Amino acid sequence: MIQAARSGRQNIAEGSRAAATSSQTELRLINVARASLEELLLDYEDYLRHRHLTQWPPSSQEGNAVREVPKRFRREHADQAALTDLTDQERWELYAPWLEHDAAAIRSNAIICLIHQANYLLDRQIAALEKAFVEGGGYSEQLAAARLVERKRQQVEHSGSLEPADSIPSCPQCVKPMVLRTAKAGINEGKQFWGCSGYPECRGVVKI
């Protein structure tokens, strides 16, 4: 359980650091964090079940109180630092009435609530990362596209004409070189296609 908790936290941090250079790496690390927290969630649920302790239902008064902590903080500190600006110790103190309670069932249920909140936010982040990656490509893919554009520019500059492009077609709309992509959703999910390297300014597509 300790390892699963550490994995969730560390992979979120590593994914954040990787965001500047590789969106694909960021997405992979965030997915690892999500899986680790799901494993931790199951461990806590097993802990309660094996000890015949009650797990709070989703709409319970106790669970709602834990989930309301961020909203209550924003109401009470509207003109002060945001919740994300607090230190780890200050954030811990907000949840101390549950996390430091004498009853193991209350501590465990509070952590389950927090894991659910973290997983909800990670699911939203993963969906946004996937959408951005499908639409705009990752950092490496963008560099490759830029390199293709520069290579063709150099060909025109040095020879006055383009070499036969039997493997990389030009965009039918703007004549820029295409980039090989894979559809992630829709009726063509899993199929490859040529997308314009100038995306999103140009949405030219060539079917394979």
N, C-alpha and C. Protein backbone atom coordinates (compact mmCIF):
# COMPACT_ATOMS: atom_id res chain seq x y z
N MET A 1 0.84 -1.21 0.00
CA MET A 1 0.00 0.00 0.00
C MET A 1 0.87 1.26 0.00
N ILE A 2 1.96 1.20 0.77
CA ILE A 2 2.87 2.35 0.79
C ILE A 2 3.49 2.56 -0.59
N GLN A 3 3.89 1.45 -1.23
CA GLN A 3 4.50 1.56 -2.55
C GLN A 3 3.51 2.10 -3.58
N ALA A 4 2.26 1.65 -3.50
CA ALA A 4 1.24 2.15 -4.43
C ALA A 4 1.01 3.64 -4.23
N ALA A 5 0.98 4.08 -2.97
CA ALA A 5 0.78 5.50 -2.69
C ALA A 5 1.96 6.32 -3.21
N ARG A 6 3.19 5.83 -2.98
CA ARG A 6 4.38 6.55 -3.45
C ARG A 6 4.40 6.59 -4.98
N SER A 7 4.03 5.48 -5.61
CA SER A 7 4.03 5.43 -7.07
C SER A 7 3.06 6.45 -7.65
N GLY A 8 1.88 6.57 -7.05
CA GLY A 8 0.91 7.55 -7.53
C GLY A 8 1.46 8.95 -7.47
N ARG A 9 2.02 9.31 -6.33
CA ARG A 9 2.54 10.67 -6.14
C ARG A 9 3.75 10.93 -7.04
N GLN A 10 4.70 10.00 -7.06
CA GLN A 10 5.93 10.21 -7.81
C GLN A 10 5.69 10.28 -9.32
N ASN A 11 4.80 9.46 -9.83
CA ASN A 11 4.55 9.47 -11.27
C ASN A 11 3.80 10.73 -11.71
N ILE A 12 2.96 11.28 -10.84
CA ILE A 12 2.33 12.55 -11.15
C ILE A 12 3.39 13.64 -11.27
N ALA A 13 4.32 13.64 -10.30
CA ALA A 13 5.39 14.64 -10.33
C ALA A 13 6.29 14.46 -11.55
N GLU A 14 6.67 13.22 -11.86
CA GLU A 14 7.53 12.98 -13.01
C GLU A 14 6.81 13.33 -14.31
N GLY A 15 5.51 13.03 -14.38
CA GLY A 15 4.75 13.39 -15.56
C GLY A 15 4.69 14.88 -15.78
N SER A 16 4.57 15.63 -14.68
CA SER A 16 4.55 17.08 -14.77
C SER A 16 5.87 17.61 -15.30
N ARG A 17 6.98 17.03 -14.83
CA ARG A 17 8.29 17.47 -15.31
C ARG A 17 8.51 17.11 -16.78
N ALA A 18 7.92 15.99 -17.22
CA ALA A 18 8.11 15.55 -18.60
C ALA A 18 7.23 16.32 -19.59
N ALA A 19 6.27 17.08 -19.08
CA ALA A 19 5.29 17.74 -19.95
C ALA A 19 5.95 18.69 -20.94
N ALA A 20 7.05 19.30 -20.55
CA ALA A 20 7.69 20.30 -21.41
C ALA A 20 8.37 19.69 -22.62
N THR A 21 8.74 18.42 -22.54
CA THR A 21 9.51 17.81 -23.63
C THR A 21 8.80 16.66 -24.33
N SER A 22 7.92 15.94 -23.64
CA SER A 22 7.28 14.78 -24.26
C SER A 22 5.89 14.57 -23.68
N SER A 23 4.88 14.92 -24.45
CA SER A 23 3.51 14.72 -23.99
C SER A 23 3.17 13.24 -23.92
N GLN A 24 3.83 12.43 -24.75
CA GLN A 24 3.60 10.99 -24.71
C GLN A 24 4.11 10.40 -23.40
N THR A 25 5.30 10.85 -22.96
CA THR A 25 5.83 10.39 -21.68
C THR A 25 4.96 10.86 -20.53
N GLU A 26 4.51 12.11 -20.61
CA GLU A 26 3.63 12.63 -19.57
C GLU A 26 2.37 11.79 -19.46
N LEU A 27 1.76 11.46 -20.60
CA LEU A 27 0.54 10.67 -20.61
C LEU A 27 0.79 9.29 -20.01
N ARG A 28 1.92 8.67 -20.36
CA ARG A 28 2.23 7.34 -19.84
C ARG A 28 2.40 7.38 -18.32
N LEU A 29 3.11 8.38 -17.80
CA LEU A 29 3.34 8.47 -16.36
C LEU A 29 2.06 8.77 -15.59
N ILE A 30 1.20 9.62 -16.15
CA ILE A 30 -0.07 9.92 -15.48
C ILE A 30 -0.94 8.67 -15.44
N ASN A 31 -0.91 7.86 -16.50
CA ASN A 31 -1.67 6.61 -16.50
C ASN A 31 -1.13 5.64 -15.45
N VAL A 32 0.20 5.61 -15.28
CA VAL A 32 0.79 4.77 -14.23
C VAL A 32 0.33 5.24 -12.86
N ALA A 33 0.32 6.56 -12.66
CA ALA A 33 -0.15 7.11 -11.38
C ALA A 33 -1.60 6.74 -11.12
N ARG A 34 -2.41 6.83 -12.16
CA ARG A 34 -3.84 6.48 -12.03
C ARG A 34 -4.01 5.02 -11.64
N ALA A 35 -3.23 4.13 -12.26
CA ALA A 35 -3.31 2.71 -11.95
C ALA A 35 -2.84 2.43 -10.52
N SER A 36 -1.82 3.14 -10.07
CA SER A 36 -1.31 2.94 -8.71
C SER A 36 -2.34 3.36 -7.67
N LEU A 37 -3.00 4.48 -7.92
CA LEU A 37 -4.03 4.94 -6.98
C LEU A 37 -5.24 4.02 -6.98
N GLU A 38 -5.55 3.44 -8.13
CA GLU A 38 -6.66 2.47 -8.19
C GLU A 38 -6.31 1.23 -7.36
N GLU A 39 -5.05 0.81 -7.44
CA GLU A 39 -4.59 -0.32 -6.63
C GLU A 39 -4.68 0.02 -5.14
N LEU A 40 -4.28 1.23 -4.78
CA LEU A 40 -4.36 1.66 -3.39
C LEU A 40 -5.81 1.71 -2.90
N LEU A 41 -6.70 2.17 -3.78
CA LEU A 41 -8.13 2.23 -3.44
C LEU A 41 -8.66 0.84 -3.11
N LEU A 42 -8.33 -0.14 -3.94
CA LEU A 42 -8.79 -1.51 -3.70
C LEU A 42 -8.22 -2.06 -2.39
N ASP A 43 -6.97 -1.70 -2.08
CA ASP A 43 -6.37 -2.16 -0.82
C ASP A 43 -7.13 -1.62 0.38
N TYR A 44 -7.50 -0.35 0.34
CA TYR A 44 -8.24 0.24 1.47
C TYR A 44 -9.64 -0.36 1.58
N GLU A 45 -10.27 -0.60 0.45
CA GLU A 45 -11.60 -1.23 0.50
C GLU A 45 -11.50 -2.65 1.06
N ASP A 46 -10.43 -3.39 0.68
CA ASP A 46 -10.22 -4.72 1.25
C ASP A 46 -9.96 -4.64 2.75
N TYR A 47 -9.20 -3.62 3.16
CA TYR A 47 -8.90 -3.44 4.58
C TYR A 47 -10.19 -3.33 5.40
N LEU A 48 -11.11 -2.50 4.92
CA LEU A 48 -12.38 -2.34 5.64
C LEU A 48 -13.20 -3.62 5.62
N ARG A 49 -13.26 -4.27 4.45
CA ARG A 49 -14.10 -5.47 4.32
C ARG A 49 -13.58 -6.61 5.18
N HIS A 50 -12.27 -6.84 5.18
CA HIS A 50 -11.71 -7.96 5.93
C HIS A 50 -11.84 -7.77 7.45
N ARG A 51 -11.96 -6.52 7.88
CA ARG A 51 -12.10 -6.24 9.32
C ARG A 51 -13.55 -5.93 9.70
N HIS A 52 -14.46 -6.17 8.75
CA HIS A 52 -15.89 -5.97 8.97
C HIS A 52 -16.20 -4.54 9.42
N LEU A 53 -15.49 -3.58 8.81
CA LEU A 53 -15.72 -2.17 9.09
C LEU A 53 -16.57 -1.59 7.96
N THR A 54 -17.39 -0.62 8.28
CA THR A 54 -18.32 -0.05 7.31
C THR A 54 -17.62 0.94 6.39
N GLN A 55 -17.88 0.79 5.10
CA GLN A 55 -17.38 1.78 4.14
C GLN A 55 -18.47 2.80 3.88
N TRP A 56 -18.11 4.07 3.92
CA TRP A 56 -19.08 5.13 3.71
C TRP A 56 -19.68 5.04 2.31
N PRO A 57 -21.00 5.13 2.19
CA PRO A 57 -21.59 5.21 0.85
C PRO A 57 -21.25 6.55 0.20
N PRO A 58 -21.32 6.64 -1.13
CA PRO A 58 -20.92 7.87 -1.83
C PRO A 58 -21.64 9.13 -1.33
N SER A 59 -22.90 8.98 -0.93
CA SER A 59 -23.67 10.16 -0.52
C SER A 59 -23.71 10.36 0.99
N SER A 60 -22.82 9.69 1.72
CA SER A 60 -22.86 9.79 3.18
C SER A 60 -22.48 11.18 3.65
N GLN A 61 -22.95 11.54 4.82
CA GLN A 61 -22.64 12.84 5.41
C GLN A 61 -21.15 12.97 5.69
N GLU A 62 -20.55 11.87 6.14
CA GLU A 62 -19.11 11.90 6.45
C GLU A 62 -18.28 12.11 5.19
N GLY A 63 -18.63 11.37 4.13
CA GLY A 63 -17.90 11.51 2.88
C GLY A 63 -18.04 12.89 2.28
N ASN A 64 -19.25 13.44 2.34
CA ASN A 64 -19.48 14.79 1.82
C ASN A 64 -18.65 15.82 2.58
N ALA A 65 -18.49 15.62 3.87
CA ALA A 65 -17.70 16.56 4.68
C ALA A 65 -16.25 16.57 4.22
N VAL A 66 -15.70 15.40 3.90
CA VAL A 66 -14.33 15.33 3.42
C VAL A 66 -14.22 16.00 2.05
N ARG A 67 -15.17 15.71 1.18
CA ARG A 67 -15.12 16.28 -0.17
C ARG A 67 -15.35 17.78 -0.19
N GLU A 68 -15.99 18.32 0.85
CA GLU A 68 -16.29 19.75 0.90
C GLU A 68 -15.12 20.58 1.41
N VAL A 69 -14.05 19.95 1.86
CA VAL A 69 -12.92 20.69 2.43
C VAL A 69 -12.38 21.75 1.46
N PRO A 70 -12.11 21.43 0.19
CA PRO A 70 -11.60 22.47 -0.72
C PRO A 70 -12.58 23.63 -0.91
N LYS A 71 -13.87 23.32 -1.05
CA LYS A 71 -14.87 24.38 -1.23
C LYS A 71 -14.94 25.26 0.01
N ARG A 72 -14.91 24.63 1.18
CA ARG A 72 -14.97 25.41 2.41
C ARG A 72 -13.73 26.30 2.55
N PHE A 73 -12.58 25.76 2.17
CA PHE A 73 -11.35 26.55 2.24
C PHE A 73 -11.45 27.78 1.34
N ARG A 74 -11.95 27.59 0.10
CA ARG A 74 -12.07 28.73 -0.82
C ARG A 74 -13.05 29.77 -0.31
N ARG A 75 -14.12 29.33 0.33
CA ARG A 75 -15.08 30.28 0.89
C ARG A 75 -14.47 31.08 2.03
N GLU A 76 -13.71 30.42 2.87
CA GLU A 76 -13.17 31.07 4.06
C GLU A 76 -11.89 31.85 3.78
N HIS A 77 -11.23 31.58 2.66
CA HIS A 77 -9.97 32.25 2.35
C HIS A 77 -10.01 32.83 0.94
N ALA A 78 -11.11 33.47 0.60
CA ALA A 78 -11.30 33.97 -0.76
C ALA A 78 -10.22 34.97 -1.17
N ASP A 79 -9.73 35.74 -0.21
CA ASP A 79 -8.74 36.78 -0.52
C ASP A 79 -7.31 36.37 -0.16
N GLN A 80 -7.13 35.07 0.13
CA GLN A 80 -5.81 34.61 0.54
C GLN A 80 -5.28 33.60 -0.46
N ALA A 81 -4.26 32.85 -0.06
CA ALA A 81 -3.61 31.90 -0.95
C ALA A 81 -4.58 30.79 -1.37
N ALA A 82 -4.38 30.29 -2.57
CA ALA A 82 -5.18 29.18 -3.05
C ALA A 82 -4.76 27.89 -2.35
N LEU A 83 -5.61 26.88 -2.43
CA LEU A 83 -5.32 25.61 -1.79
C LEU A 83 -4.02 25.01 -2.31
N THR A 84 -3.74 25.21 -3.60
CA THR A 84 -2.52 24.66 -4.19
C THR A 84 -1.27 25.38 -3.71
N ASP A 85 -1.42 26.56 -3.09
CA ASP A 85 -0.27 27.31 -2.60
C ASP A 85 0.15 26.89 -1.19
N LEU A 86 -0.65 26.04 -0.55
CA LEU A 86 -0.34 25.61 0.81
C LEU A 86 0.79 24.59 0.80
N THR A 87 1.48 24.50 1.91
CA THR A 87 2.49 23.46 2.06
C THR A 87 1.81 22.12 2.31
N ASP A 88 2.58 21.04 2.18
CA ASP A 88 2.02 19.71 2.43
C ASP A 88 1.45 19.62 3.84
N GLN A 89 2.17 20.20 4.81
CA GLN A 89 1.71 20.15 6.19
C GLN A 89 0.40 20.93 6.37
N GLU A 90 0.29 22.08 5.71
CA GLU A 90 -0.94 22.88 5.83
C GLU A 90 -2.12 22.17 5.19
N ARG A 91 -1.88 21.49 4.08
CA ARG A 91 -2.97 20.73 3.47
C ARG A 91 -3.36 19.55 4.35
N TRP A 92 -2.35 18.91 4.95
CA TRP A 92 -2.65 17.79 5.85
C TRP A 92 -3.54 18.25 7.00
N GLU A 93 -3.24 19.42 7.54
CA GLU A 93 -4.01 19.92 8.69
C GLU A 93 -5.47 20.13 8.35
N LEU A 94 -5.77 20.43 7.08
CA LEU A 94 -7.17 20.60 6.68
C LEU A 94 -7.96 19.30 6.85
N TYR A 95 -7.26 18.18 6.65
CA TYR A 95 -7.92 16.88 6.74
C TYR A 95 -7.58 16.14 8.03
N ALA A 96 -6.85 16.79 8.92
CA ALA A 96 -6.41 16.15 10.15
C ALA A 96 -7.55 15.57 10.99
N PRO A 97 -8.73 16.22 11.07
CA PRO A 97 -9.81 15.64 11.89
C PRO A 97 -10.18 14.21 11.48
N TRP A 98 -9.96 13.87 10.21
CA TRP A 98 -10.25 12.50 9.74
C TRP A 98 -8.98 11.65 9.69
N LEU A 99 -7.91 12.21 9.15
CA LEU A 99 -6.70 11.42 8.95
C LEU A 99 -5.98 11.08 10.26
N GLU A 100 -6.24 11.86 11.32
CA GLU A 100 -5.61 11.60 12.61
C GLU A 100 -6.62 11.08 13.63
N HIS A 101 -7.78 10.66 13.16
CA HIS A 101 -8.82 10.15 14.06
C HIS A 101 -8.39 8.84 14.70
N ASP A 102 -8.87 8.59 15.90
CA ASP A 102 -8.51 7.35 16.60
C ASP A 102 -9.07 6.11 15.92
N ALA A 103 -10.21 6.25 15.23
CA ALA A 103 -10.86 5.10 14.61
C ALA A 103 -10.26 4.81 13.24
N ALA A 104 -9.79 3.59 13.06
CA ALA A 104 -9.19 3.20 11.78
C ALA A 104 -10.19 3.30 10.63
N ALA A 105 -11.46 3.02 10.90
CA ALA A 105 -12.48 3.07 9.85
C ALA A 105 -12.63 4.48 9.30
N ILE A 106 -12.57 5.48 10.17
CA ILE A 106 -12.71 6.87 9.72
C ILE A 106 -11.48 7.28 8.92
N ARG A 107 -10.30 6.90 9.40
CA ARG A 107 -9.08 7.23 8.65
C ARG A 107 -9.12 6.60 7.26
N SER A 108 -9.48 5.35 7.20
CA SER A 108 -9.50 4.63 5.92
C SER A 108 -10.55 5.21 4.97
N ASN A 109 -11.73 5.48 5.48
CA ASN A 109 -12.79 6.03 4.63
C ASN A 109 -12.42 7.41 4.10
N ALA A 110 -11.77 8.22 4.93
CA ALA A 110 -11.34 9.54 4.47
C ALA A 110 -10.34 9.43 3.34
N ILE A 111 -9.41 8.50 3.48
CA ILE A 111 -8.41 8.30 2.42
C ILE A 111 -9.08 7.80 1.15
N ILE A 112 -10.07 6.93 1.28
CA ILE A 112 -10.81 6.46 0.10
C ILE A 112 -11.47 7.64 -0.62
N CYS A 113 -12.04 8.57 0.15
CA CYS A 113 -12.64 9.76 -0.47
C CYS A 113 -11.60 10.57 -1.23
N LEU A 114 -10.44 10.74 -0.63
CA LEU A 114 -9.38 11.53 -1.27
C LEU A 114 -8.85 10.83 -2.53
N ILE A 115 -8.76 9.50 -2.50
CA ILE A 115 -8.32 8.78 -3.68
C ILE A 115 -9.32 8.95 -4.81
N HIS A 116 -10.60 8.88 -4.49
CA HIS A 116 -11.63 9.08 -5.51
C HIS A 116 -11.52 10.47 -6.13
N GLN A 117 -11.26 11.48 -5.30
CA GLN A 117 -11.10 12.84 -5.83
C GLN A 117 -9.88 12.93 -6.73
N ALA A 118 -8.77 12.33 -6.31
CA ALA A 118 -7.56 12.36 -7.12
C ALA A 118 -7.77 11.63 -8.44
N ASN A 119 -8.45 10.48 -8.40
CA ASN A 119 -8.69 9.72 -9.63
C ASN A 119 -9.60 10.48 -10.59
N TYR A 120 -10.57 11.20 -10.05
CA TYR A 120 -11.45 12.01 -10.90
C TYR A 120 -10.65 13.07 -11.65
N LEU A 121 -9.76 13.74 -10.93
CA LEU A 121 -8.94 14.77 -11.56
C LEU A 121 -7.95 14.18 -12.56
N LEU A 122 -7.39 13.01 -12.23
CA LEU A 122 -6.46 12.36 -13.16
C LEU A 122 -7.18 11.91 -14.43
N ASP A 123 -8.41 11.42 -14.29
CA ASP A 123 -9.18 11.01 -15.47
C ASP A 123 -9.41 12.20 -16.40
N ARG A 124 -9.70 13.35 -15.83
CA ARG A 124 -9.88 14.55 -16.65
C ARG A 124 -8.58 14.96 -17.32
N GLN A 125 -7.48 14.86 -16.58
CA GLN A 125 -6.18 15.22 -17.15
C GLN A 125 -5.79 14.26 -18.27
N ILE A 126 -6.01 12.97 -18.06
CA ILE A 126 -5.68 11.98 -19.08
C ILE A 126 -6.49 12.22 -20.35
N ALA A 127 -7.79 12.50 -20.19
CA ALA A 127 -8.64 12.76 -21.35
C ALA A 127 -8.15 13.98 -22.12
N ALA A 128 -7.75 15.03 -21.40
CA ALA A 128 -7.26 16.25 -22.05
C ALA A 128 -5.93 15.98 -22.76
N LEU A 129 -5.05 15.21 -22.13
CA LEU A 129 -3.76 14.89 -22.74
C LEU A 129 -3.94 14.05 -24.00
N GLU A 130 -4.84 13.08 -23.93
CA GLU A 130 -5.10 12.23 -25.10
C GLU A 130 -5.65 13.05 -26.25
N LYS A 131 -6.57 13.95 -25.94
CA LYS A 131 -7.17 14.79 -26.99
C LYS A 131 -6.11 15.68 -27.63
N ALA A 132 -5.26 16.29 -26.80
CA ALA A 132 -4.22 17.17 -27.32
C ALA A 132 -3.21 16.40 -28.15
N PHE A 133 -2.90 15.17 -27.72
CA PHE A 133 -1.91 14.38 -28.44
C PHE A 133 -2.45 13.93 -29.80
N VAL A 134 -3.72 13.53 -29.83
CA VAL A 134 -4.34 13.10 -31.09
C VAL A 134 -4.44 14.26 -32.06
N GLU A 135 -4.82 15.43 -31.56
CA GLU A 135 -5.05 16.57 -32.45
C GLU A 135 -3.75 17.24 -32.88
N GLY A 136 -2.81 17.39 -31.96
CA GLY A 136 -1.61 18.14 -32.29
C GLY A 136 -0.33 17.34 -32.34
N GLY A 137 -0.41 16.08 -31.92
CA GLY A 137 0.80 15.27 -31.89
C GLY A 137 1.66 15.60 -30.68
N GLY A 138 2.60 14.72 -30.40
CA GLY A 138 3.52 14.96 -29.29
C GLY A 138 4.68 15.83 -29.72
N TYR A 139 5.51 16.14 -28.75
CA TYR A 139 6.66 17.01 -29.01
C TYR A 139 7.58 16.40 -30.06
N SER A 140 7.87 15.11 -29.94
CA SER A 140 8.75 14.44 -30.90
C SER A 140 8.15 14.45 -32.29
N GLU A 141 6.85 14.22 -32.37
CA GLU A 141 6.18 14.22 -33.66
C GLU A 141 6.21 15.60 -34.30
N GLN A 142 6.05 16.63 -33.48
CA GLN A 142 6.10 17.99 -34.02
C GLN A 142 7.50 18.33 -34.53
N LEU A 143 8.53 17.87 -33.83
CA LEU A 143 9.89 18.09 -34.30
C LEU A 143 10.12 17.37 -35.63
N ALA A 144 9.62 16.13 -35.75
CA ALA A 144 9.77 15.38 -36.99
C ALA A 144 9.08 16.09 -38.14
N ALA A 145 7.88 16.63 -37.87
CA ALA A 145 7.15 17.35 -38.91
C ALA A 145 7.91 18.59 -39.35
N ALA A 146 8.46 19.30 -38.36
CA ALA A 146 9.23 20.50 -38.69
C ALA A 146 10.47 20.15 -39.50
N ARG A 147 11.08 19.03 -39.18
CA ARG A 147 12.27 18.58 -39.92
C ARG A 147 11.91 18.25 -41.37
N LEU A 148 10.75 17.63 -41.58
CA LEU A 148 10.32 17.30 -42.93
C LEU A 148 10.09 18.57 -43.75
N VAL A 149 9.48 19.56 -43.11
CA VAL A 149 9.25 20.84 -43.81
C VAL A 149 10.57 21.47 -44.21
N GLU A 150 11.54 21.48 -43.28
CA GLU A 150 12.85 22.07 -43.56
C GLU A 150 13.59 21.29 -44.64
N ARG A 151 13.48 19.97 -44.63
CA ARG A 151 14.16 19.16 -45.65
C ARG A 151 13.63 19.47 -47.05
N LYS A 152 12.32 19.60 -47.16
CA LYS A 152 11.75 19.92 -48.47
C LYS A 152 12.12 21.34 -48.90
N ARG A 153 12.20 22.26 -47.92
CA ARG A 153 12.60 23.62 -48.25
C ARG A 153 14.02 23.63 -48.81
N GLN A 154 14.90 22.85 -48.19
CA GLN A 154 16.28 22.78 -48.65
C GLN A 154 16.38 22.15 -50.04
N GLN A 155 15.52 21.16 -50.30
CA GLN A 155 15.51 20.53 -51.62
C GLN A 155 15.15 21.55 -52.70
N VAL A 156 14.14 22.34 -52.42
CA VAL A 156 13.72 23.35 -53.39
C VAL A 156 14.82 24.40 -53.57
N GLU A 157 15.44 24.80 -52.48
CA GLU A 157 16.46 25.84 -52.52
C GLU A 157 17.70 25.39 -53.30
N HIS A 158 18.10 24.12 -53.13
CA HIS A 158 19.34 23.64 -53.74
C HIS A 158 19.16 23.13 -55.17
N SER A 159 18.00 22.52 -55.45
CA SER A 159 17.82 21.92 -56.77
C SER A 159 16.72 22.57 -57.59
N GLY A 160 15.92 23.38 -56.95
CA GLY A 160 14.83 24.03 -57.67
C GLY A 160 13.63 23.14 -57.86
N SER A 161 13.69 21.91 -57.41
CA SER A 161 12.55 20.99 -57.52
C SER A 161 12.60 20.02 -56.37
N LEU A 162 11.52 19.35 -56.12
CA LEU A 162 11.43 18.39 -55.04
C LEU A 162 11.81 17.00 -55.52
N GLU A 163 12.45 16.22 -54.65
CA GLU A 163 12.72 14.84 -54.98
C GLU A 163 11.41 14.07 -54.99
N PRO A 164 11.33 12.99 -55.74
CA PRO A 164 10.11 12.18 -55.74
C PRO A 164 9.76 11.75 -54.32
N ALA A 165 8.56 12.03 -53.93
CA ALA A 165 8.13 11.69 -52.57
C ALA A 165 7.21 10.49 -52.63
N ASP A 166 7.81 9.29 -52.76
CA ASP A 166 6.99 8.10 -52.88
C ASP A 166 6.50 7.59 -51.54
N SER A 167 7.07 8.11 -50.44
CA SER A 167 6.66 7.64 -49.13
C SER A 167 5.94 8.69 -48.31
N ILE A 168 6.25 9.97 -48.54
CA ILE A 168 5.64 11.04 -47.77
C ILE A 168 4.90 11.97 -48.73
N PRO A 169 3.58 11.90 -48.75
CA PRO A 169 2.82 12.76 -49.66
C PRO A 169 2.77 14.19 -49.17
N SER A 170 2.42 15.10 -50.06
CA SER A 170 2.22 16.49 -49.70
C SER A 170 0.75 16.73 -49.39
N CYS A 171 0.50 17.71 -48.55
CA CYS A 171 -0.87 18.02 -48.18
C CYS A 171 -1.63 18.53 -49.40
N PRO A 172 -2.81 18.00 -49.67
CA PRO A 172 -3.58 18.46 -50.83
C PRO A 172 -4.12 19.88 -50.67
N GLN A 173 -4.04 20.44 -49.46
CA GLN A 173 -4.58 21.78 -49.23
C GLN A 173 -3.50 22.86 -49.19
N CYS A 174 -2.34 22.53 -48.55
CA CYS A 174 -1.32 23.57 -48.40
C CYS A 174 0.06 23.13 -48.92
N VAL A 175 0.17 21.91 -49.41
CA VAL A 175 1.38 21.35 -50.03
C VAL A 175 2.50 21.07 -49.02
N LYS A 176 2.25 21.25 -47.74
CA LYS A 176 3.26 20.88 -46.75
C LYS A 176 3.35 19.35 -46.68
N PRO A 177 4.49 18.79 -46.22
CA PRO A 177 4.59 17.33 -46.09
C PRO A 177 3.63 16.80 -45.04
N MET A 178 3.17 15.58 -45.27
CA MET A 178 2.23 14.97 -44.35
C MET A 178 2.98 14.22 -43.25
N VAL A 179 2.28 13.92 -42.16
CA VAL A 179 2.83 13.16 -41.04
C VAL A 179 1.94 11.93 -40.83
N LEU A 180 2.55 10.77 -40.66
CA LEU A 180 1.79 9.54 -40.45
C LEU A 180 1.19 9.55 -39.05
N ARG A 181 -0.13 9.40 -38.98
CA ARG A 181 -0.83 9.40 -37.70
C ARG A 181 -1.72 8.16 -37.59
N THR A 182 -2.23 7.92 -36.38
CA THR A 182 -3.15 6.81 -36.13
C THR A 182 -4.40 7.35 -35.47
N ALA A 183 -5.55 7.03 -36.05
CA ALA A 183 -6.82 7.51 -35.50
C ALA A 183 -7.06 6.86 -34.14
N LYS A 184 -7.42 7.68 -33.14
CA LYS A 184 -7.62 7.19 -31.78
C LYS A 184 -9.09 6.98 -31.43
N ALA A 185 -9.98 7.46 -32.26
CA ALA A 185 -11.40 7.33 -31.96
C ALA A 185 -12.20 7.36 -33.26
N GLY A 186 -13.49 7.09 -33.15
CA GLY A 186 -14.35 7.15 -34.32
C GLY A 186 -14.35 5.84 -35.10
N ILE A 187 -14.98 5.88 -36.28
CA ILE A 187 -15.13 4.66 -37.08
C ILE A 187 -13.80 4.17 -37.64
N ASN A 188 -12.80 5.05 -37.70
CA ASN A 188 -11.48 4.68 -38.22
C ASN A 188 -10.46 4.43 -37.12
N GLU A 189 -10.92 4.20 -35.90
CA GLU A 189 -10.02 4.00 -34.77
C GLU A 189 -9.02 2.89 -35.06
N GLY A 190 -7.73 3.18 -34.81
CA GLY A 190 -6.68 2.20 -35.02
C GLY A 190 -6.08 2.21 -36.41
N LYS A 191 -6.72 2.92 -37.34
CA LYS A 191 -6.22 2.97 -38.71
C LYS A 191 -5.27 4.15 -38.88
N GLN A 192 -4.28 3.96 -39.74
CA GLN A 192 -3.32 5.03 -40.00
C GLN A 192 -3.78 5.91 -41.15
N PHE A 193 -3.34 7.16 -41.11
CA PHE A 193 -3.65 8.10 -42.18
C PHE A 193 -2.56 9.16 -42.21
N TRP A 194 -2.49 9.90 -43.31
CA TRP A 194 -1.55 11.01 -43.42
C TRP A 194 -2.27 12.30 -43.00
N GLY A 195 -1.70 13.00 -42.02
CA GLY A 195 -2.25 14.28 -41.59
C GLY A 195 -1.26 15.39 -41.89
N CYS A 196 -1.73 16.56 -42.16
CA CYS A 196 -0.87 17.67 -42.52
C CYS A 196 0.05 18.04 -41.36
N SER A 197 1.32 18.29 -41.67
CA SER A 197 2.27 18.70 -40.64
C SER A 197 1.99 20.11 -40.14
N GLY A 198 1.13 20.82 -40.83
CA GLY A 198 0.76 22.17 -40.41
C GLY A 198 -0.44 22.21 -39.48
N TYR A 199 -0.93 21.03 -39.05
CA TYR A 199 -2.07 20.97 -38.13
C TYR A 199 -1.74 21.74 -36.84
N PRO A 200 -2.65 22.51 -36.23
CA PRO A 200 -4.07 22.59 -36.53
C PRO A 200 -4.45 23.69 -37.54
N GLU A 201 -3.45 24.49 -38.00
CA GLU A 201 -3.78 25.54 -38.98
C GLU A 201 -4.35 24.93 -40.26
N CYS A 202 -3.82 23.78 -40.64
CA CYS A 202 -4.33 23.08 -41.83
C CYS A 202 -4.78 21.69 -41.42
N ARG A 203 -5.94 21.27 -41.86
CA ARG A 203 -6.50 19.98 -41.47
C ARG A 203 -6.55 19.01 -42.64
N GLY A 204 -5.60 19.18 -43.57
CA GLY A 204 -5.56 18.27 -44.72
C GLY A 204 -5.29 16.84 -44.31
N VAL A 205 -5.96 15.89 -44.99
CA VAL A 205 -5.84 14.47 -44.68
C VAL A 205 -5.73 13.69 -45.98
N VAL A 206 -4.88 12.67 -45.99
CA VAL A 206 -4.77 11.75 -47.10
C VAL A 206 -4.93 10.35 -46.56
N LYS A 207 -5.88 9.62 -47.09
CA LYS A 207 -6.11 8.24 -46.63
C LYS A 207 -5.03 7.31 -47.18
N ILE A 208 -4.74 6.28 -46.38
CA ILE A 208 -3.76 5.28 -46.80
C ILE A 208 -4.50 4.12 -47.45
